[in-house]
Amino acid sequence: MSKIKIEIHSGSCCTYYIDDEKKVLIDAGYKFDKKVDIIIITHCHYDHLFFLSEIAEKWKPVVMAGAKDAESIEKLDLKTLAKNLKPVKVDRKLKEGDVIETGELKLKVIETPGHTEGSICLYDEKEQILFSGDTLFNGDTGRTDLPSGSEEDMQKSLEKLKKLAVKKLYPGH
């Protein structure tokens, strides 16, 4: 693997910190206190948003999320299942095929509806690593019985992910 560091932090969900040319945080379920240039939210559920407003206020990063979940993050609607969180503006609404470059990594956005309608995964083809949010876990998949979840969409998303060569999986839990 390249010289970049990926730190795993367990809070309400797994939060990943990519220490590269750009400092990238994937999901915000952990009270994080290092410089952050970009935050990518894999889906709009509260456990992935717990510390988003606090981190965004402190570091002023570019906040990114799947286009179909962005409004829920900005308004904290029913889909987020959130109480007592602050809404945060999503600066970049991600869609299938978008690429986020951290320096060495090129994270390609894969839309994977099922857990939520706007769930996304991030895949680096060269390193063959997948940040799967709550779409795919080690040996399991995310729930589909919450607002905007869909078992049919989840099955289609999992079929899409099966086509990827993955050496390292970084799930949301």
C-alpha atoms as a PDB file:
ATOM      1  CA  MET A   1       0.000   0.000   0.000  1.00  0.00           C
ATOM      2  CA  SER A   2       1.011   3.596  -0.478  1.00  0.00           C
ATOM      3  CA  LYS A   3       2.574   5.698   2.251  1.00  0.00           C
ATOM      4  CA  ILE A   4      -0.707   7.312   3.289  1.00  0.00           C
ATOM      5  CA  LYS A   5      -2.105   6.514   6.712  1.00  0.00           C
ATOM      6  CA  ILE A   6      -5.677   5.482   7.345  1.00  0.00           C
ATOM      7  CA  GLU A   7      -6.688   5.728  10.987  1.00  0.00           C
ATOM      8  CA  ILE A   8      -9.747   3.908  12.268  1.00  0.00           C
ATOM      9  CA  HIS A   9     -11.685   5.433  15.162  1.00  0.00           C
ATOM     10  CA  SER A  10     -14.663   3.757  16.788  1.00  0.00           C
ATOM     11  CA  GLY A  11     -17.372   5.984  18.140  1.00  0.00           C
ATOM     12  CA  SER A  12     -21.009   5.715  17.216  1.00  0.00           C
ATOM     13  CA  CYS A  13     -19.734   4.371  13.886  1.00  0.00           C
ATOM     14  CA  CYS A  14     -16.327   3.746  12.358  1.00  0.00           C
ATOM     15  CA  THR A  15     -14.754   7.037  11.368  1.00  0.00           C
ATOM     16  CA  TYR A  16     -11.775   6.948   9.024  1.00  0.00           C
ATOM     17  CA  TYR A  17      -9.049   9.591   8.802  1.00  0.00           C
ATOM     18  CA  ILE A  18      -6.938   9.632   5.666  1.00  0.00           C
ATOM     19  CA  ASP A  19      -3.666  11.440   6.357  1.00  0.00           C
ATOM     20  CA  ASP A  20      -2.555  12.364   2.854  1.00  0.00           C
ATOM     21  CA  GLU A  21      -1.947  15.659   1.032  1.00  0.00           C
ATOM     22  CA  LYS A  22      -5.552  16.411   1.901  1.00  0.00           C
ATOM     23  CA  LYS A  23      -6.760  15.363   5.323  1.00  0.00           C
ATOM     24  CA  VAL A  24     -10.007  13.484   4.787  1.00  0.00           C
ATOM     25  CA  LEU A  25     -12.518  12.277   7.346  1.00  0.00           C
ATOM     26  CA  ILE A  26     -15.025   9.652   6.261  1.00  0.00           C
ATOM     27  CA  ASP A  27     -18.111   9.897   8.478  1.00  0.00           C
ATOM     28  CA  ALA A  28     -18.305  11.916  11.678  1.00  0.00           C
ATOM     29  CA  GLY A  29     -19.373   9.556  14.447  1.00  0.00           C
ATOM     30  CA  TYR A  30     -16.191  10.144  16.466  1.00  0.00           C
ATOM     31  CA  LYS A  31     -15.093  13.273  18.367  1.00  0.00           C
ATOM     32  CA  PHE A  32     -12.160  14.174  16.167  1.00  0.00           C
ATOM     33  CA  ASP A  33      -9.524  16.805  16.862  1.00  0.00           C
ATOM     34  CA  LYS A  34      -7.062  16.736  13.955  1.00  0.00           C
ATOM     35  CA  LYS A  35      -6.976  19.019  10.942  1.00  0.00           C
ATOM     36  CA  VAL A  36      -9.617  18.067   8.380  1.00  0.00           C
ATOM     37  CA  ASP A  37      -9.790  19.436   4.810  1.00  0.00           C
ATOM     38  CA  ILE A  38     -12.672  17.262   3.593  1.00  0.00           C
ATOM     39  CA  ILE A  39     -15.462  15.359   5.357  1.00  0.00           C
ATOM     40  CA  ILE A  40     -17.315  12.731   3.344  1.00  0.00           C
ATOM     41  CA  ILE A  41     -20.556  11.402   4.810  1.00  0.00           C
ATOM     42  CA  THR A  42     -21.507   7.947   3.488  1.00  0.00           C
ATOM     43  CA  HIS A  43     -25.194   8.345   4.381  1.00  0.00           C
ATOM     44  CA  CYS A  44     -27.491  10.580   6.401  1.00  0.00           C
ATOM     45  CA  HIS A  45     -28.084   8.601   9.621  1.00  0.00           C
ATOM     46  CA  TYR A  46     -27.426  10.369  12.913  1.00  0.00           C
ATOM     47  CA  ASP A  47     -24.694   8.001  14.089  1.00  0.00           C
ATOM     48  CA  HIS A  48     -22.554   9.107  11.121  1.00  0.00           C
ATOM     49  CA  LEU A  49     -23.338  12.780  11.837  1.00  0.00           C
ATOM     50  CA  PHE A  50     -22.844  13.048  15.635  1.00  0.00           C
ATOM     51  CA  PHE A  51     -19.773  15.304  15.470  1.00  0.00           C
ATOM     52  CA  LEU A  52     -20.209  16.737  11.976  1.00  0.00           C
ATOM     53  CA  SER A  53     -21.247  20.237  13.062  1.00  0.00           C
ATOM     54  CA  GLU A  54     -18.510  20.448  15.695  1.00  0.00           C
ATOM     55  CA  ILE A  55     -15.769  19.337  13.271  1.00  0.00           C
ATOM     56  CA  ALA A  56     -17.141  21.535  10.477  1.00  0.00           C
ATOM     57  CA  GLU A  57     -17.207  24.597  12.745  1.00  0.00           C
ATOM     58  CA  LYS A  58     -13.648  24.025  13.950  1.00  0.00           C
ATOM     59  CA  TRP A  59     -11.844  23.137  10.703  1.00  0.00           C
ATOM     60  CA  LYS A  60     -14.119  24.607   7.993  1.00  0.00           C
ATOM     61  CA  PRO A  61     -13.667  21.569   5.702  1.00  0.00           C
ATOM     62  CA  VAL A  62     -15.454  20.922   2.439  1.00  0.00           C
ATOM     63  CA  VAL A  63     -18.435  18.741   3.440  1.00  0.00           C
ATOM     64  CA  MET A  64     -19.474  16.115   0.898  1.00  0.00           C
ATOM     65  CA  ALA A  65     -22.318  13.589   0.824  1.00  0.00           C
ATOM     66  CA  GLY A  66     -24.402  11.634  -1.634  1.00  0.00           C
ATOM     67  CA  ALA A  67     -26.700  13.980  -3.548  1.00  0.00           C
ATOM     68  CA  LYS A  68     -29.830  12.093  -2.472  1.00  0.00           C
ATOM     69  CA  ASP A  69     -28.960  12.368   1.245  1.00  0.00           C
ATOM     70  CA  ALA A  70     -27.520  15.895   1.253  1.00  0.00           C
ATOM     71  CA  GLU A  71     -30.811  17.682   1.917  1.00  0.00           C
ATOM     72  CA  SER A  72     -31.484  15.413   4.904  1.00  0.00           C
ATOM     73  CA  ILE A  73     -28.102  16.367   6.391  1.00  0.00           C
ATOM     74  CA  GLU A  74     -28.827  20.055   5.811  1.00  0.00           C
ATOM     75  CA  LYS A  75     -32.324  19.900   7.325  1.00  0.00           C
ATOM     76  CA  LEU A  76     -32.037  16.933   9.709  1.00  0.00           C
ATOM     77  CA  ASP A  77     -35.296  15.479   8.455  1.00  0.00           C
ATOM     78  CA  LEU A  78     -36.923  12.186   9.394  1.00  0.00           C
ATOM     79  CA  LYS A  79     -34.401  10.157   7.348  1.00  0.00           C
ATOM     80  CA  THR A  80     -31.538  11.129   9.674  1.00  0.00           C
ATOM     81  CA  LEU A  81     -33.302   9.740  12.771  1.00  0.00           C
ATOM     82  CA  ALA A  82     -31.560  12.640  14.543  1.00  0.00           C
ATOM     83  CA  LYS A  83     -32.369  14.504  17.721  1.00  0.00           C
ATOM     84  CA  ASN A  84     -30.373  17.410  19.120  1.00  0.00           C
ATOM     85  CA  LEU A  85     -27.923  17.649  16.219  1.00  0.00           C
ATOM     86  CA  LYS A  86     -27.140  20.799  14.252  1.00  0.00           C
ATOM     87  CA  PRO A  87     -27.727  20.792  10.503  1.00  0.00           C
ATOM     88  CA  VAL A  88     -24.669  21.309   8.300  1.00  0.00           C
ATOM     89  CA  LYS A  89     -24.454  22.635   4.750  1.00  0.00           C
ATOM     90  CA  VAL A  90     -23.237  20.058   2.236  1.00  0.00           C
ATOM     91  CA  ASP A  91     -20.780  21.833  -0.048  1.00  0.00           C
ATOM     92  CA  ARG A  92     -20.476  19.101  -2.664  1.00  0.00           C
ATOM     93  CA  LYS A  93     -23.309  16.746  -3.527  1.00  0.00           C
ATOM     94  CA  LEU A  94     -21.728  13.535  -4.804  1.00  0.00           C
ATOM     95  CA  LYS A  95     -23.003  11.302  -7.560  1.00  0.00           C
ATOM     96  CA  GLU A  96     -21.937   8.076  -9.286  1.00  0.00           C
ATOM     97  CA  GLY A  97     -18.476   8.351 -10.821  1.00  0.00           C
ATOM     98  CA  ASP A  98     -17.330  11.497  -9.000  1.00  0.00           C
ATOM     99  CA  VAL A  99     -13.723  11.246  -7.808  1.00  0.00           C
ATOM    100  CA  ILE A 100     -12.252  12.757  -4.652  1.00  0.00           C
ATOM    101  CA  GLU A 101      -8.454  12.968  -4.757  1.00  0.00           C
ATOM    102  CA  THR A 102      -6.691  12.941  -1.407  1.00  0.00           C
ATOM    103  CA  GLY A 103      -3.200  12.978  -2.884  1.00  0.00           C
ATOM    104  CA  GLU A 104      -2.303   9.344  -3.445  1.00  0.00           C
ATOM    105  CA  LEU A 105      -5.847   7.998  -3.267  1.00  0.00           C
ATOM    106  CA  LYS A 106      -8.499   8.579  -5.890  1.00  0.00           C
ATOM    107  CA  LEU A 107     -11.790   7.759  -4.192  1.00  0.00           C
ATOM    108  CA  LYS A 108     -14.451   7.009  -6.780  1.00  0.00           C
ATOM    109  CA  VAL A 109     -18.033   7.521  -5.635  1.00  0.00           C
ATOM    110  CA  ILE A 110     -20.338   4.544  -6.068  1.00  0.00           C
ATOM    111  CA  GLU A 111     -24.011   5.195  -5.403  1.00  0.00           C
ATOM    112  CA  THR A 112     -25.280   2.294  -3.288  1.00  0.00           C
ATOM    113  CA  PRO A 113     -28.888   2.945  -2.283  1.00  0.00           C
ATOM    114  CA  GLY A 114     -30.510   0.445   0.041  1.00  0.00           C
ATOM    115  CA  HIS A 115     -29.566   1.471   3.582  1.00  0.00           C
ATOM    116  CA  THR A 116     -30.683   4.985   2.620  1.00  0.00           C
ATOM    117  CA  GLU A 117     -31.594   6.235  -0.823  1.00  0.00           C
ATOM    118  CA  GLY A 118     -28.436   8.368  -0.896  1.00  0.00           C
ATOM    119  CA  SER A 119     -25.903   5.890   0.508  1.00  0.00           C
ATOM    120  CA  ILE A 120     -22.510   5.967  -1.163  1.00  0.00           C
ATOM    121  CA  CYS A 121     -19.344   3.896  -1.082  1.00  0.00           C
ATOM    122  CA  LEU A 122     -15.853   5.131  -1.925  1.00  0.00           C
ATOM    123  CA  TYR A 123     -13.451   2.954  -3.917  1.00  0.00           C
ATOM    124  CA  ASP A 124      -9.786   3.357  -4.780  1.00  0.00           C
ATOM    125  CA  GLU A 125      -9.117   1.057  -7.713  1.00  0.00           C
ATOM    126  CA  LYS A 126      -5.312   1.143  -7.498  1.00  0.00           C
ATOM    127  CA  GLU A 127      -5.144   0.245  -3.807  1.00  0.00           C
ATOM    128  CA  GLN A 128      -8.330  -1.867  -4.047  1.00  0.00           C
ATOM    129  CA  ILE A 129      -9.836  -0.403  -0.896  1.00  0.00           C
ATOM    130  CA  LEU A 130     -13.531   0.182  -0.287  1.00  0.00           C
ATOM    131  CA  PHE A 131     -15.105   2.483   2.290  1.00  0.00           C
ATOM    132  CA  SER A 132     -18.582   0.959   2.409  1.00  0.00           C
ATOM    133  CA  GLY A 133     -20.507   2.979   5.002  1.00  0.00           C
ATOM    134  CA  ASP A 134     -23.487   0.911   6.141  1.00  0.00           C
ATOM    135  CA  THR A 135     -24.000  -0.817   2.800  1.00  0.00           C
ATOM    136  CA  LEU A 136     -21.573  -3.656   3.430  1.00  0.00           C
ATOM    137  CA  PHE A 137     -19.967  -4.944   6.633  1.00  0.00           C
ATOM    138  CA  ASN A 138     -17.564  -7.804   7.255  1.00  0.00           C
ATOM    139  CA  GLY A 139     -19.993 -10.676   6.744  1.00  0.00           C
ATOM    140  CA  ASP A 140     -23.235  -8.681   6.723  1.00  0.00           C
ATOM    141  CA  THR A 141     -25.125  -5.824   5.084  1.00  0.00           C
ATOM    142  CA  GLY A 142     -26.859  -2.717   6.356  1.00  0.00           C
ATOM    143  CA  ARG A 143     -30.492  -2.544   7.434  1.00  0.00           C
ATOM    144  CA  THR A 144     -33.135  -1.632   4.895  1.00  0.00           C
ATOM    145  CA  ASP A 145     -36.097  -1.109   7.231  1.00  0.00           C
ATOM    146  CA  LEU A 146     -35.390   2.523   8.143  1.00  0.00           C
ATOM    147  CA  PRO A 147     -36.706   5.638   6.324  1.00  0.00           C
ATOM    148  CA  SER A 148     -35.692   5.614   2.612  1.00  0.00           C
ATOM    149  CA  GLY A 149     -34.223   2.105   2.932  1.00  0.00           C
ATOM    150  CA  SER A 150     -35.005  -0.500   0.292  1.00  0.00           C
ATOM    151  CA  GLU A 151     -34.205  -4.212   0.208  1.00  0.00           C
ATOM    152  CA  GLU A 152     -34.537  -4.227  -3.585  1.00  0.00           C
ATOM    153  CA  ASP A 153     -32.093  -1.312  -3.942  1.00  0.00           C
ATOM    154  CA  MET A 154     -29.711  -2.951  -1.459  1.00  0.00           C
ATOM    155  CA  GLN A 155     -29.572  -6.127  -3.551  1.00  0.00           C
ATOM    156  CA  LYS A 156     -28.775  -4.098  -6.682  1.00  0.00           C
ATOM    157  CA  SER A 157     -26.070  -2.189  -4.806  1.00  0.00           C
ATOM    158  CA  LEU A 158     -24.479  -5.383  -3.496  1.00  0.00           C
ATOM    159  CA  GLU A 159     -24.425  -6.796  -7.034  1.00  0.00           C
ATOM    160  CA  LYS A 160     -22.573  -3.660  -8.134  1.00  0.00           C
ATOM    161  CA  LEU A 161     -20.027  -4.022  -5.315  1.00  0.00           C
ATOM    162  CA  LYS A 162     -19.424  -7.713  -6.123  1.00  0.00           C
ATOM    163  CA  LYS A 163     -17.769  -6.614  -9.367  1.00  0.00           C
ATOM    164  CA  LEU A 164     -15.009  -4.722  -7.535  1.00  0.00           C
ATOM    165  CA  ALA A 165     -11.616  -6.150  -6.654  1.00  0.00           C
ATOM    166  CA  VAL A 166     -11.350  -5.373  -2.933  1.00  0.00           C
ATOM    167  CA  LYS A 167      -8.309  -6.167  -0.791  1.00  0.00           C
ATOM    168  CA  LYS A 168      -9.320  -4.026   2.192  1.00  0.00           C
ATOM    169  CA  LEU A 169     -12.851  -3.219   3.363  1.00  0.00           C
ATOM    170  CA  TYR A 170     -13.518  -0.258   5.651  1.00  0.00           C
ATOM    171  CA  PRO A 171     -17.180  -0.611   6.802  1.00  0.00           C
ATOM    172  CA  GLY A 172     -19.303   1.822   8.803  1.00  0.00           C
ATOM    173  CA  HIS A 173     -19.540  -0.527  11.808  1.00  0.00           C
END
